[in-house]
């Protein structure tokens, strides 16, 4: 796993894309790779500097739902999980 992808627990994989965006790098392919690498029962915790609304539809078509919260430091944490 890359330095910004962390297994928080066996069930949650954390991907922080704030540094990518700060450096001007588009993180979409990194996010999709993390989603594709999820094992049965795992969820993806995405950390971003803004609410990644376009991903909701993209991952929704792949069978994922999400919960979203904004942290005290202004970051957004989105937990993506498979529906059903």
PDB file of N, CA and C in Angstrom:
ATOM      1  N   UNK A   1       0.843  -1.190   0.000  1.00  0.00           N
ATOM      2  CA  UNK A   1       0.000   0.000   0.000  1.00  0.00           C
ATOM      3  C   UNK A   1       0.878   1.240   0.000  1.00  0.00           C
ATOM      4  N   UNK A   2       0.402   2.291  -0.630  1.00  0.00           N
ATOM      5  CA  UNK A   2       1.123   3.556  -0.646  1.00  0.00           C
ATOM      6  C   UNK A   2       1.078   4.210   0.715  1.00  0.00           C
ATOM      7  N   UNK A   3       1.888   5.246   0.897  1.00  0.00           N
ATOM      8  CA  UNK A   3       1.968   5.893   2.208  1.00  0.00           C
ATOM      9  C   UNK A   3       0.678   6.581   2.613  1.00  0.00           C
ATOM     10  N   UNK A   4      -0.189   6.909   1.644  1.00  0.00           N
ATOM     11  CA  UNK A   4      -1.443   7.558   1.988  1.00  0.00           C
ATOM     12  C   UNK A   4      -2.619   6.588   2.019  1.00  0.00           C
ATOM     13  N   UNK A   5      -2.344   5.299   1.857  1.00  0.00           N
ATOM     14  CA  UNK A   5      -3.359   4.263   2.006  1.00  0.00           C
ATOM     15  C   UNK A   5      -2.995   3.479   3.254  1.00  0.00           C
ATOM     16  N   UNK A   6      -3.895   3.443   4.212  1.00  0.00           N
ATOM     17  CA  UNK A   6      -3.614   2.823   5.494  1.00  0.00           C
ATOM     18  C   UNK A   6      -4.741   1.879   5.872  1.00  0.00           C
ATOM     19  N   UNK A   7      -4.405   0.690   6.330  1.00  0.00           N
ATOM     20  CA  UNK A   7      -5.417  -0.207   6.868  1.00  0.00           C
ATOM     21  C   UNK A   7      -5.691   0.244   8.296  1.00  0.00           C
ATOM     22  N   UNK A   8      -6.819   0.919   8.499  1.00  0.00           N
ATOM     23  CA  UNK A   8      -7.197   1.393   9.832  1.00  0.00           C
ATOM     24  C   UNK A   8      -7.537   0.198  10.701  1.00  0.00           C
ATOM     25  N   UNK A   9      -8.234  -0.732  10.115  1.00  0.00           N
ATOM     26  CA  UNK A   9      -8.551  -1.995  10.761  1.00  0.00           C
ATOM     27  C   UNK A   9      -8.674  -3.007   9.637  1.00  0.00           C
ATOM     28  N   UNK A  10      -8.981  -4.227   9.972  1.00  0.00           N
ATOM     29  CA  UNK A  10      -9.137  -5.238   8.937  1.00  0.00           C
ATOM     30  C   UNK A  10     -10.305  -4.894   8.018  1.00  0.00           C
ATOM     31  N   UNK A  11     -11.284  -4.151   8.555  1.00  0.00           N
ATOM     32  CA  UNK A  11     -12.487  -3.837   7.792  1.00  0.00           C
ATOM     33  C   UNK A  11     -12.428  -2.490   7.082  1.00  0.00           C
ATOM     34  N   UNK A  12     -11.561  -1.576   7.511  1.00  0.00           N
ATOM     35  CA  UNK A  12     -11.540  -0.217   6.957  1.00  0.00           C
ATOM     36  C   UNK A  12     -10.158   0.098   6.376  1.00  0.00           C
ATOM     37  N   UNK A  13     -10.147   0.515   5.112  1.00  0.00           N
ATOM     38  CA  UNK A  13      -8.930   0.960   4.442  1.00  0.00           C
ATOM     39  C   UNK A  13      -9.047   2.473   4.287  1.00  0.00           C
ATOM     40  N   UNK A  14      -8.058   3.209   4.779  1.00  0.00           N
ATOM     41  CA  UNK A  14      -8.088   4.678   4.763  1.00  0.00           C
ATOM     42  C   UNK A  14      -7.222   5.189   3.618  1.00  0.00           C
ATOM     43  N   UNK A  15      -7.789   6.096   2.816  1.00  0.00           N
ATOM     44  CA  UNK A  15      -7.060   6.721   1.717  1.00  0.00           C
ATOM     45  C   UNK A  15      -7.184   8.228   1.865  1.00  0.00           C
ATOM     46  N   UNK A  16      -6.066   8.894   2.115  1.00  0.00           N
ATOM     47  CA  UNK A  16      -6.035  10.346   2.291  1.00  0.00           C
ATOM     48  C   UNK A  16      -5.488  10.964   1.005  1.00  0.00           C
ATOM     49  N   UNK A  17      -6.336  11.714   0.291  1.00  0.00           N
ATOM     50  CA  UNK A  17      -5.924  12.296  -0.991  1.00  0.00           C
ATOM     51  C   UNK A  17      -5.609  13.791  -0.884  1.00  0.00           C
ATOM     52  N   UNK A  18      -5.554  14.317   0.324  1.00  0.00           N
ATOM     53  CA  UNK A  18      -5.310  15.753   0.481  1.00  0.00           C
ATOM     54  C   UNK A  18      -3.969  16.186  -0.092  1.00  0.00           C
ATOM     55  N   UNK A  19      -2.917  15.418   0.137  1.00  0.00           N
ATOM     56  CA  UNK A  19      -1.595  15.794  -0.386  1.00  0.00           C
ATOM     57  C   UNK A  19      -1.556  15.713  -1.905  1.00  0.00           C
ATOM     58  N   UNK A  20      -2.225  14.715  -2.472  1.00  0.00           N
ATOM     59  CA  UNK A  20      -2.286  14.618  -3.937  1.00  0.00           C
ATOM     60  C   UNK A  20      -2.913  15.880  -4.520  1.00  0.00           C
ATOM     61  N   UNK A  21      -4.044  16.267  -3.978  1.00  0.00           N
ATOM     62  CA  UNK A  21      -4.747  17.443  -4.484  1.00  0.00           C
ATOM     63  C   UNK A  21      -3.937  18.719  -4.263  1.00  0.00           C
ATOM     64  N   UNK A  22      -3.288  18.804  -3.111  1.00  0.00           N
ATOM     65  CA  UNK A  22      -2.452  19.975  -2.806  1.00  0.00           C
ATOM     66  C   UNK A  22      -1.308  20.106  -3.817  1.00  0.00           C
ATOM     67  N   UNK A  23      -0.794  18.962  -4.262  1.00  0.00           N
ATOM     68  CA  UNK A  23       0.312  18.946  -5.225  1.00  0.00           C
ATOM     69  C   UNK A  23      -0.180  19.039  -6.671  1.00  0.00           C
ATOM     70  N   UNK A  24      -1.492  19.160  -6.862  1.00  0.00           N
ATOM     71  CA  UNK A  24      -2.038  19.281  -8.210  1.00  0.00           C
ATOM     72  C   UNK A  24      -2.236  17.967  -8.933  1.00  0.00           C
ATOM     73  N   UNK A  25      -2.179  16.851  -8.190  1.00  0.00           N
ATOM     74  CA  UNK A  25      -2.375  15.533  -8.799  1.00  0.00           C
ATOM     75  C   UNK A  25      -3.834  15.111  -8.662  1.00  0.00           C
ATOM     76  N   UNK A  26      -4.411  14.614  -9.730  1.00  0.00           N
ATOM     77  CA  UNK A  26      -5.781  14.107  -9.727  1.00  0.00           C
ATOM     78  C   UNK A  26      -5.781  12.715  -9.086  1.00  0.00           C
ATOM     79  N   UNK A  27      -6.523  12.499  -7.998  1.00  0.00           N
ATOM     80  CA  UNK A  27      -6.473  11.224  -7.286  1.00  0.00           C
ATOM     81  C   UNK A  27      -7.492  10.179  -7.752  1.00  0.00           C
ATOM     82  N   UNK A  28      -8.242  10.467  -8.809  1.00  0.00           N
ATOM     83  CA  UNK A  28      -9.325   9.557  -9.206  1.00  0.00           C
ATOM     84  C   UNK A  28      -8.833   8.128  -9.422  1.00  0.00           C
ATOM     85  N   UNK A  29      -7.742   7.950 -10.160  1.00  0.00           N
ATOM     86  CA  UNK A  29      -7.252   6.595 -10.442  1.00  0.00           C
ATOM     87  C   UNK A  29      -6.781   5.895  -9.168  1.00  0.00           C
ATOM     88  N   UNK A  30      -6.196   6.645  -8.259  1.00  0.00           N
ATOM     89  CA  UNK A  30      -5.767   6.074  -6.976  1.00  0.00           C
ATOM     90  C   UNK A  30      -6.981   5.619  -6.161  1.00  0.00           C
ATOM     91  N   UNK A  31      -8.039   6.431  -6.182  1.00  0.00           N
ATOM     92  CA  UNK A  31      -9.267   6.083  -5.462  1.00  0.00           C
ATOM     93  C   UNK A  31      -9.881   4.824  -6.062  1.00  0.00           C
ATOM     94  N   UNK A  32      -9.970   4.781  -7.383  1.00  0.00           N
ATOM     95  CA  UNK A  32     -10.573   3.621  -8.035  1.00  0.00           C
ATOM     96  C   UNK A  32      -9.744   2.360  -7.802  1.00  0.00           C
ATOM     97  N   UNK A  33      -8.429   2.489  -7.774  1.00  0.00           N
ATOM     98  CA  UNK A  33      -7.571   1.332  -7.489  1.00  0.00           C
ATOM     99  C   UNK A  33      -7.816   0.826  -6.075  1.00  0.00           C
ATOM    100  N   UNK A  34      -7.985   1.749  -5.126  1.00  0.00           N
ATOM    101  CA  UNK A  34      -8.262   1.354  -3.742  1.00  0.00           C
ATOM    102  C   UNK A  34      -9.612   0.656  -3.646  1.00  0.00           C
ATOM    103  N   UNK A  35     -10.600   1.148  -4.373  1.00  0.00           N
ATOM    104  CA  UNK A  35     -11.927   0.519  -4.382  1.00  0.00           C
ATOM    105  C   UNK A  35     -11.826  -0.891  -4.963  1.00  0.00           C
ATOM    106  N   UNK A  36     -11.126  -1.036  -6.073  1.00  0.00           N
ATOM    107  CA  UNK A  36     -10.985  -2.347  -6.717  1.00  0.00           C
ATOM    108  C   UNK A  36     -10.239  -3.341  -5.829  1.00  0.00           C
ATOM    109  N   UNK A  37      -9.355  -2.845  -4.970  1.00  0.00           N
ATOM    110  CA  UNK A  37      -8.555  -3.721  -4.104  1.00  0.00           C
ATOM    111  C   UNK A  37      -9.291  -4.143  -2.834  1.00  0.00           C
ATOM    112  N   UNK A  38     -10.461  -3.556  -2.575  1.00  0.00           N
ATOM    113  CA  UNK A  38     -11.197  -3.919  -1.358  1.00  0.00           C
ATOM    114  C   UNK A  38     -11.594  -5.386  -1.397  1.00  0.00           C
ATOM    115  N   UNK A  39     -11.390  -6.045  -0.280  1.00  0.00           N
ATOM    116  CA  UNK A  39     -11.819  -7.431  -0.150  1.00  0.00           C
ATOM    117  C   UNK A  39     -13.252  -7.463   0.370  1.00  0.00           C
ATOM    118  N   UNK A  40     -13.846  -8.610   0.326  1.00  0.00           N
ATOM    119  CA  UNK A  40     -15.209  -8.809   0.832  1.00  0.00           C
ATOM    120  C   UNK A  40     -15.317  -8.268   2.261  1.00  0.00           C
ATOM    121  N   UNK A  41     -16.290  -7.410   2.499  1.00  0.00           N
ATOM    122  CA  UNK A  41     -16.531  -6.871   3.829  1.00  0.00           C
ATOM    123  C   UNK A  41     -15.717  -5.635   4.185  1.00  0.00           C
ATOM    124  N   UNK A  42     -14.751  -5.262   3.354  1.00  0.00           N
ATOM    125  CA  UNK A  42     -13.955  -4.071   3.648  1.00  0.00           C
ATOM    126  C   UNK A  42     -14.669  -2.813   3.165  1.00  0.00           C
ATOM    127  N   UNK A  43     -14.352  -1.701   3.838  1.00  0.00           N
ATOM    128  CA  UNK A  43     -14.886  -0.389   3.474  1.00  0.00           C
ATOM    129  C   UNK A  43     -13.721   0.552   3.222  1.00  0.00           C
ATOM    130  N   UNK A  44     -13.981   1.592   2.432  1.00  0.00           N
ATOM    131  CA  UNK A  44     -12.958   2.586   2.128  1.00  0.00           C
ATOM    132  C   UNK A  44     -13.297   3.882   2.832  1.00  0.00           C
ATOM    133  N   UNK A  45     -12.365   4.377   3.646  1.00  0.00           N
ATOM    134  CA  UNK A  45     -12.507   5.681   4.291  1.00  0.00           C
ATOM    135  C   UNK A  45     -11.657   6.664   3.497  1.00  0.00           C
ATOM    136  N   UNK A  46     -12.322   7.525   2.738  1.00  0.00           N
ATOM    137  CA  UNK A  46     -11.646   8.516   1.911  1.00  0.00           C
ATOM    138  C   UNK A  46     -11.575   9.831   2.668  1.00  0.00           C
ATOM    139  N   UNK A  47     -10.386  10.430   2.721  1.00  0.00           N
ATOM    140  CA  UNK A  47     -10.188  11.728   3.374  1.00  0.00           C
ATOM    141  C   UNK A  47      -9.803  12.727   2.286  1.00  0.00           C
ATOM    142  N   UNK A  48     -10.570  13.827   2.208  1.00  0.00           N
ATOM    143  CA  UNK A  48     -10.355  14.827   1.161  1.00  0.00           C
ATOM    144  C   UNK A  48     -10.578  16.227   1.735  1.00  0.00           C
ATOM    145  N   UNK A  49     -10.061  17.263   1.054  1.00  0.00           N
ATOM    146  CA  UNK A  49     -10.246  18.629   1.544  1.00  0.00           C
ATOM    147  C   UNK A  49     -11.611  19.215   1.183  1.00  0.00           C
ATOM    148  N   UNK A  50     -12.402  18.475   0.416  1.00  0.00           N
ATOM    149  CA  UNK A  50     -13.747  18.923   0.034  1.00  0.00           C
ATOM    150  C   UNK A  50     -14.639  17.695  -0.071  1.00  0.00           C
ATOM    151  N   UNK A  51     -15.932  17.904  -0.066  1.00  0.00           N
ATOM    152  CA  UNK A  51     -16.860  16.780  -0.195  1.00  0.00           C
ATOM    153  C   UNK A  51     -16.810  16.273  -1.638  1.00  0.00           C
ATOM    154  N   UNK A  52     -16.425  15.020  -1.840  1.00  0.00           N
ATOM    155  CA  UNK A  52     -16.233  14.490  -3.194  1.00  0.00           C
ATOM    156  C   UNK A  52     -17.540  14.001  -3.830  1.00  0.00           C
ATOM    157  N   UNK A  53     -18.482  14.901  -4.006  1.00  0.00           N
ATOM    158  CA  UNK A  53     -19.816  14.541  -4.492  1.00  0.00           C
ATOM    159  C   UNK A  53     -19.824  13.753  -5.803  1.00  0.00           C
ATOM    160  N   UNK A  54     -18.970  14.063  -6.784  1.00  0.00           N
ATOM    161  CA  UNK A  54     -19.009  13.275  -8.024  1.00  0.00           C
ATOM    162  C   UNK A  54     -18.749  11.778  -7.809  1.00  0.00           C
ATOM    163  N   UNK A  55     -17.998  11.439  -6.773  1.00  0.00           N
ATOM    164  CA  UNK A  55     -17.715  10.021  -6.510  1.00  0.00           C
ATOM    165  C   UNK A  55     -18.953   9.261  -6.053  1.00  0.00           C
ATOM    166  N   UNK A  56     -19.902   9.950  -5.449  1.00  0.00           N
ATOM    167  CA  UNK A  56     -21.089   9.274  -4.943  1.00  0.00           C
ATOM    168  C   UNK A  56     -21.811   8.542  -6.066  1.00  0.00           C
ATOM    169  N   UNK A  57     -21.968   9.191  -7.207  1.00  0.00           N
ATOM    170  CA  UNK A  57     -22.659   8.571  -8.341  1.00  0.00           C
ATOM    171  C   UNK A  57     -21.801   7.471  -8.965  1.00  0.00           C
ATOM    172  N   UNK A  58     -20.509   7.748  -9.134  1.00  0.00           N
ATOM    173  CA  UNK A  58     -19.603   6.769  -9.742  1.00  0.00           C
ATOM    174  C   UNK A  58     -19.585   5.483  -8.922  1.00  0.00           C
ATOM    175  N   UNK A  59     -19.370   5.617  -7.623  1.00  0.00           N
ATOM    176  CA  UNK A  59     -19.294   4.420  -6.777  1.00  0.00           C
ATOM    177  C   UNK A  59     -20.677   3.833  -6.528  1.00  0.00           C
ATOM    178  N   UNK A  60     -21.706   4.661  -6.554  1.00  0.00           N
ATOM    179  CA  UNK A  60     -23.073   4.159  -6.432  1.00  0.00           C
ATOM    180  C   UNK A  60     -23.404   3.187  -7.550  1.00  0.00           C
ATOM    181  N   UNK A  61     -22.948   3.481  -8.760  1.00  0.00           N
ATOM    182  CA  UNK A  61     -23.174   2.575  -9.897  1.00  0.00           C
ATOM    183  C   UNK A  61     -22.416   1.268  -9.726  1.00  0.00           C
ATOM    184  N   UNK A  62     -21.404   1.281  -8.877  1.00  0.00           N
ATOM    185  CA  UNK A  62     -20.626   0.068  -8.610  1.00  0.00           C
ATOM    186  C   UNK A  62     -21.162  -0.679  -7.392  1.00  0.00           C
ATOM    187  N   UNK A  63     -22.290  -0.209  -6.831  1.00  0.00           N
ATOM    188  CA  UNK A  63     -22.907  -0.902  -5.706  1.00  0.00           C
ATOM    189  C   UNK A  63     -22.500  -0.390  -4.339  1.00  0.00           C
ATOM    190  N   UNK A  64     -21.899   0.798  -4.276  1.00  0.00           N
ATOM    191  CA  UNK A  64     -21.460   1.351  -2.998  1.00  0.00           C
ATOM    192  C   UNK A  64     -22.411   2.432  -2.503  1.00  0.00           C
ATOM    193  N   UNK A  65     -22.582   2.477  -1.204  1.00  0.00           N
ATOM    194  CA  UNK A  65     -23.269   3.571  -0.526  1.00  0.00           C
ATOM    195  C   UNK A  65     -22.202   4.289   0.296  1.00  0.00           C
ATOM    196  N   UNK A  66     -22.587   5.356   0.990  1.00  0.00           N
ATOM    197  CA  UNK A  66     -21.582   6.108   1.741  1.00  0.00           C
ATOM    198  C   UNK A  66     -22.215   6.848   2.915  1.00  0.00           C
ATOM    199  N   UNK A  67     -21.369   7.173   3.872  1.00  0.00           N
ATOM    200  CA  UNK A  67     -21.706   8.126   4.930  1.00  0.00           C
ATOM    201  C   UNK A  67     -20.622   9.193   4.880  1.00  0.00           C
ATOM    202  N   UNK A  68     -20.991  10.413   5.211  1.00  0.00           N
ATOM    203  CA  UNK A  68     -20.078  11.542   5.071  1.00  0.00           C
ATOM    204  C   UNK A  68     -20.080  12.385   6.334  1.00  0.00           C
ATOM    205  N   UNK A  69     -18.895  12.877   6.706  1.00  0.00           N
ATOM    206  CA  UNK A  69     -18.826  13.830   7.816  1.00  0.00           C
ATOM    207  C   UNK A  69     -17.668  14.781   7.571  1.00  0.00           C
ATOM    208  N   UNK A  70     -17.844  16.007   8.054  1.00  0.00           N
ATOM    209  CA  UNK A  70     -16.764  16.991   7.989  1.00  0.00           C
ATOM    210  C   UNK A  70     -16.097  17.039   9.351  1.00  0.00           C
ATOM    211  N   UNK A  71     -14.775  16.977   9.368  1.00  0.00           N
ATOM    212  CA  UNK A  71     -14.032  16.970  10.620  1.00  0.00           C
ATOM    213  C   UNK A  71     -13.826  18.396  11.117  1.00  0.00           C
ATOM    214  N   UNK A  72     -13.356  18.516  12.350  1.00  0.00           N
ATOM    215  CA  UNK A  72     -13.126  19.836  12.945  1.00  0.00           C
ATOM    216  C   UNK A  72     -12.100  20.656  12.175  1.00  0.00           C
ATOM    217  N   UNK A  73     -11.147  19.986  11.522  1.00  0.00           N
ATOM    218  CA  UNK A  73     -10.125  20.724  10.758  1.00  0.00           C
ATOM    219  C   UNK A  73     -10.574  21.049   9.333  1.00  0.00           C
ATOM    220  N   UNK A  74     -11.834  20.747   9.009  1.00  0.00           N
ATOM    221  CA  UNK A  74     -12.389  21.089   7.703  1.00  0.00           C
ATOM    222  C   UNK A  74     -12.276  20.013   6.643  1.00  0.00           C
ATOM    223  N   UNK A  75     -11.591  18.924   6.957  1.00  0.00           N
ATOM    224  CA  UNK A  75     -11.480  17.826   5.994  1.00  0.00           C
ATOM    225  C   UNK A  75     -12.813  17.080   5.914  1.00  0.00           C
ATOM    226  N   UNK A  76     -12.968  16.326   4.859  1.00  0.00           N
ATOM    227  CA  UNK A  76     -14.154  15.489   4.688  1.00  0.00           C
ATOM    228  C   UNK A  76     -13.734  14.036   4.768  1.00  0.00           C
ATOM    229  N   UNK A  77     -14.477  13.255   5.533  1.00  0.00           N
ATOM    230  CA  UNK A  77     -14.270  11.814   5.617  1.00  0.00           C
ATOM    231  C   UNK A  77     -15.514  11.145   5.062  1.00  0.00           C
ATOM    232  N   UNK A  78     -15.294  10.316   4.049  1.00  0.00           N
ATOM    233  CA  UNK A  78     -16.401   9.601   3.429  1.00  0.00           C
ATOM    234  C   UNK A  78     -16.109   8.116   3.542  1.00  0.00           C
ATOM    235  N   UNK A  79     -17.031   7.401   4.153  1.00  0.00           N
ATOM    236  CA  UNK A  79     -16.899   5.957   4.295  1.00  0.00           C
ATOM    237  C   UNK A  79     -17.749   5.302   3.215  1.00  0.00           C
ATOM    238  N   UNK A  80     -17.090   4.652   2.266  1.00  0.00           N
ATOM    239  CA  UNK A  80     -17.785   3.942   1.193  1.00  0.00           C
ATOM    240  C   UNK A  80     -17.880   2.470   1.573  1.00  0.00           C
ATOM    241  N   UNK A  81     -19.058   1.901   1.380  1.00  0.00           N
ATOM    242  CA  UNK A  81     -19.282   0.494   1.708  1.00  0.00           C
ATOM    243  C   UNK A  81     -20.252  -0.101   0.702  1.00  0.00           C
ATOM    244  N   UNK A  82     -20.113  -1.405   0.501  1.00  0.00           N
ATOM    245  CA  UNK A  82     -21.000  -2.083  -0.448  1.00  0.00           C
ATOM    246  C   UNK A  82     -22.402  -2.183   0.134  1.00  0.00           C
ATOM    247  N   UNK A  83     -23.385  -1.915  -0.698  1.00  0.00           N
ATOM    248  CA  UNK A  83     -24.785  -1.993  -0.273  1.00  0.00           C
ATOM    249  C   UNK A  83     -25.182  -3.455  -0.112  1.00  0.00           C
ATOM    250  N   UNK A  84     -26.114  -3.677   0.802  1.00  0.00           N
ATOM    251  CA  UNK A  84     -26.668  -5.018   0.970  1.00  0.00           C
ATOM    252  C   UNK A  84     -25.875  -5.815   1.859  1.00  0.00           C
TER     253      UNK A  84
END
